[in-house]
């Protein structure tokens, strides 16, 4: 099972394996204070795609299409998440304030089809 959670929320035992899926470290969070099992910045969208999207909800559908194209060519990066999910709960951490249109939501959607 794969869950989503903002990096700013408190970690709980129910989170299982915690993986940060952002290219950039969450603002204002000390690395020592964020319990993670992995930081997979390679699974995040390219810097150019991330900047183009800019968390603009009007660009969401096109962002997802472009991001899925990138993921299609990076199987090695996201397969780690699927393997971990076979062994229990995986929580994908993200920093965006928008809980509906963000990198982790798109990645989760992509992984659900695999």
C-alpha atoms as a PDB file:
ATOM      1  CA  UNK A   1       0.000   0.000   0.000  1.00  0.00           C
ATOM      2  CA  UNK A   2       1.257   3.460  -0.877  1.00  0.00           C
ATOM      3  CA  UNK A   3       0.192   6.507   1.107  1.00  0.00           C
ATOM      4  CA  UNK A   4       0.946  10.205   0.795  1.00  0.00           C
ATOM      5  CA  UNK A   5       1.919  12.648   3.522  1.00  0.00           C
ATOM      6  CA  UNK A   6       3.335  16.141   3.692  1.00  0.00           C
ATOM      7  CA  UNK A   7       6.902  16.168   4.941  1.00  0.00           C
ATOM      8  CA  UNK A   8       5.855  18.713   7.576  1.00  0.00           C
ATOM      9  CA  UNK A   9       3.450  16.280   9.251  1.00  0.00           C
ATOM     10  CA  UNK A  10       4.546  14.190  12.204  1.00  0.00           C
ATOM     11  CA  UNK A  11       5.811  10.700  11.437  1.00  0.00           C
ATOM     12  CA  UNK A  12       3.762   7.816  12.813  1.00  0.00           C
ATOM     13  CA  UNK A  13       4.346   4.053  12.968  1.00  0.00           C
ATOM     14  CA  UNK A  14       1.512   3.622  10.442  1.00  0.00           C
ATOM     15  CA  UNK A  15       3.657   5.389   7.828  1.00  0.00           C
ATOM     16  CA  UNK A  16       5.752   2.279   7.288  1.00  0.00           C
ATOM     17  CA  UNK A  17       8.656   3.009   4.960  1.00  0.00           C
ATOM     18  CA  UNK A  18       8.966   6.775   4.545  1.00  0.00           C
ATOM     19  CA  UNK A  19      10.345   8.041   1.227  1.00  0.00           C
ATOM     20  CA  UNK A  20      10.785  11.691   0.300  1.00  0.00           C
ATOM     21  CA  UNK A  21      10.031  12.085  -3.427  1.00  0.00           C
ATOM     22  CA  UNK A  22      10.986  15.726  -3.912  1.00  0.00           C
ATOM     23  CA  UNK A  23      14.060  16.914  -5.795  1.00  0.00           C
ATOM     24  CA  UNK A  24      14.559  19.722  -3.261  1.00  0.00           C
ATOM     25  CA  UNK A  25      14.665  19.366   0.518  1.00  0.00           C
ATOM     26  CA  UNK A  26      11.535  20.776   2.240  1.00  0.00           C
ATOM     27  CA  UNK A  27      12.028  24.391   3.323  1.00  0.00           C
ATOM     28  CA  UNK A  28      12.567  25.004   6.987  1.00  0.00           C
ATOM     29  CA  UNK A  29      12.996  21.333   7.885  1.00  0.00           C
ATOM     30  CA  UNK A  30      16.264  20.174   9.403  1.00  0.00           C
ATOM     31  CA  UNK A  31      17.498  16.928   7.907  1.00  0.00           C
ATOM     32  CA  UNK A  32      17.915  15.430  11.345  1.00  0.00           C
ATOM     33  CA  UNK A  33      14.278  16.181  12.256  1.00  0.00           C
ATOM     34  CA  UNK A  34      12.680  14.414   9.272  1.00  0.00           C
ATOM     35  CA  UNK A  35      12.627  10.645   9.793  1.00  0.00           C
ATOM     36  CA  UNK A  36      13.083   9.009   6.393  1.00  0.00           C
ATOM     37  CA  UNK A  37      14.081   5.639   5.059  1.00  0.00           C
ATOM     38  CA  UNK A  38      15.085   7.135   1.713  1.00  0.00           C
ATOM     39  CA  UNK A  39      15.218  10.354  -0.259  1.00  0.00           C
ATOM     40  CA  UNK A  40      14.604   9.459  -3.902  1.00  0.00           C
ATOM     41  CA  UNK A  41      15.143  12.807  -5.591  1.00  0.00           C
ATOM     42  CA  UNK A  42      15.781  10.971  -8.875  1.00  0.00           C
ATOM     43  CA  UNK A  43      12.094   9.981  -9.052  1.00  0.00           C
ATOM     44  CA  UNK A  44      11.010  13.627  -8.925  1.00  0.00           C
ATOM     45  CA  UNK A  45      10.249  15.511 -12.140  1.00  0.00           C
ATOM     46  CA  UNK A  46      13.158  17.111 -13.955  1.00  0.00           C
ATOM     47  CA  UNK A  47      14.102  20.589 -12.782  1.00  0.00           C
ATOM     48  CA  UNK A  48      12.782  22.111 -16.004  1.00  0.00           C
ATOM     49  CA  UNK A  49       9.413  20.344 -15.704  1.00  0.00           C
ATOM     50  CA  UNK A  50       9.113  21.278 -12.029  1.00  0.00           C
ATOM     51  CA  UNK A  51       9.812  24.945 -12.826  1.00  0.00           C
ATOM     52  CA  UNK A  52       7.374  24.907 -15.772  1.00  0.00           C
ATOM     53  CA  UNK A  53       4.603  23.439 -13.620  1.00  0.00           C
ATOM     54  CA  UNK A  54       5.141  25.838 -10.728  1.00  0.00           C
ATOM     55  CA  UNK A  55       2.239  24.163  -8.875  1.00  0.00           C
ATOM     56  CA  UNK A  56      -0.227  25.864 -11.222  1.00  0.00           C
ATOM     57  CA  UNK A  57      -3.471  23.829 -11.072  1.00  0.00           C
ATOM     58  CA  UNK A  58      -4.297  24.893 -14.653  1.00  0.00           C
ATOM     59  CA  UNK A  59      -1.196  23.010 -15.830  1.00  0.00           C
ATOM     60  CA  UNK A  60      -1.934  19.858 -13.813  1.00  0.00           C
ATOM     61  CA  UNK A  61      -3.121  17.597 -16.639  1.00  0.00           C
ATOM     62  CA  UNK A  62      -0.243  18.533 -18.921  1.00  0.00           C
ATOM     63  CA  UNK A  63       2.228  18.245 -16.033  1.00  0.00           C
ATOM     64  CA  UNK A  64       1.042  14.701 -15.322  1.00  0.00           C
ATOM     65  CA  UNK A  65       1.368  13.741 -18.988  1.00  0.00           C
ATOM     66  CA  UNK A  66       4.924  15.085 -19.192  1.00  0.00           C
ATOM     67  CA  UNK A  67       5.929  13.631 -15.842  1.00  0.00           C
ATOM     68  CA  UNK A  68       4.600  10.182 -16.788  1.00  0.00           C
ATOM     69  CA  UNK A  69       6.707  10.365 -19.950  1.00  0.00           C
ATOM     70  CA  UNK A  70       9.777  11.047 -17.826  1.00  0.00           C
ATOM     71  CA  UNK A  71       8.912   8.192 -15.472  1.00  0.00           C
ATOM     72  CA  UNK A  72       8.483   5.800 -18.372  1.00  0.00           C
ATOM     73  CA  UNK A  73      12.189   6.197 -19.114  1.00  0.00           C
ATOM     74  CA  UNK A  74      13.287   5.953 -15.453  1.00  0.00           C
ATOM     75  CA  UNK A  75      11.942   2.602 -14.319  1.00  0.00           C
ATOM     76  CA  UNK A  76      14.895   2.000 -12.029  1.00  0.00           C
ATOM     77  CA  UNK A  77      13.975   4.993  -9.899  1.00  0.00           C
ATOM     78  CA  UNK A  78      10.373   4.132  -9.117  1.00  0.00           C
ATOM     79  CA  UNK A  79      10.680   0.331  -9.020  1.00  0.00           C
ATOM     80  CA  UNK A  80      12.321   0.732  -5.607  1.00  0.00           C
ATOM     81  CA  UNK A  81       9.058   2.165  -4.290  1.00  0.00           C
ATOM     82  CA  UNK A  82       6.964  -0.669  -5.732  1.00  0.00           C
ATOM     83  CA  UNK A  83       9.277  -3.282  -4.218  1.00  0.00           C
ATOM     84  CA  UNK A  84       9.033  -1.622  -0.810  1.00  0.00           C
ATOM     85  CA  UNK A  85       5.226  -1.493  -1.120  1.00  0.00           C
ATOM     86  CA  UNK A  86       5.149  -5.269  -1.656  1.00  0.00           C
ATOM     87  CA  UNK A  87       6.587  -5.648   1.844  1.00  0.00           C
ATOM     88  CA  UNK A  88       4.241  -3.246   3.625  1.00  0.00           C
ATOM     89  CA  UNK A  89       3.087   0.342   3.783  1.00  0.00           C
ATOM     90  CA  UNK A  90       5.110   3.011   1.990  1.00  0.00           C
ATOM     91  CA  UNK A  91       4.501   6.691   2.609  1.00  0.00           C
ATOM     92  CA  UNK A  92       5.610   9.139  -0.066  1.00  0.00           C
ATOM     93  CA  UNK A  93       6.614  12.442   1.469  1.00  0.00           C
ATOM     94  CA  UNK A  94       6.185  15.759  -0.324  1.00  0.00           C
ATOM     95  CA  UNK A  95       6.436  19.418   0.635  1.00  0.00           C
ATOM     96  CA  UNK A  96       3.857  21.160  -1.574  1.00  0.00           C
ATOM     97  CA  UNK A  97       1.009  22.852   0.302  1.00  0.00           C
ATOM     98  CA  UNK A  98      -1.474  21.704  -2.373  1.00  0.00           C
ATOM     99  CA  UNK A  99      -2.539  18.211  -1.323  1.00  0.00           C
ATOM    100  CA  UNK A 100      -4.372  17.491  -4.587  1.00  0.00           C
ATOM    101  CA  UNK A 101      -2.036  18.598  -7.372  1.00  0.00           C
ATOM    102  CA  UNK A 102       1.541  17.777  -6.458  1.00  0.00           C
ATOM    103  CA  UNK A 103       4.425  15.529  -7.442  1.00  0.00           C
ATOM    104  CA  UNK A 104       3.573  12.774  -4.951  1.00  0.00           C
ATOM    105  CA  UNK A 105      -0.052  12.590  -6.126  1.00  0.00           C
ATOM    106  CA  UNK A 106       1.069  12.216  -9.742  1.00  0.00           C
ATOM    107  CA  UNK A 107       3.721   9.645  -8.824  1.00  0.00           C
ATOM    108  CA  UNK A 108       1.210   7.658  -6.771  1.00  0.00           C
ATOM    109  CA  UNK A 109      -1.197   7.641  -9.722  1.00  0.00           C
ATOM    110  CA  UNK A 110       1.571   6.430 -12.022  1.00  0.00           C
ATOM    111  CA  UNK A 111       2.635   3.676  -9.610  1.00  0.00           C
ATOM    112  CA  UNK A 112      -0.938   2.467  -9.160  1.00  0.00           C
ATOM    113  CA  UNK A 113      -1.030   1.583 -12.865  1.00  0.00           C
ATOM    114  CA  UNK A 114       2.102  -0.570 -12.597  1.00  0.00           C
END
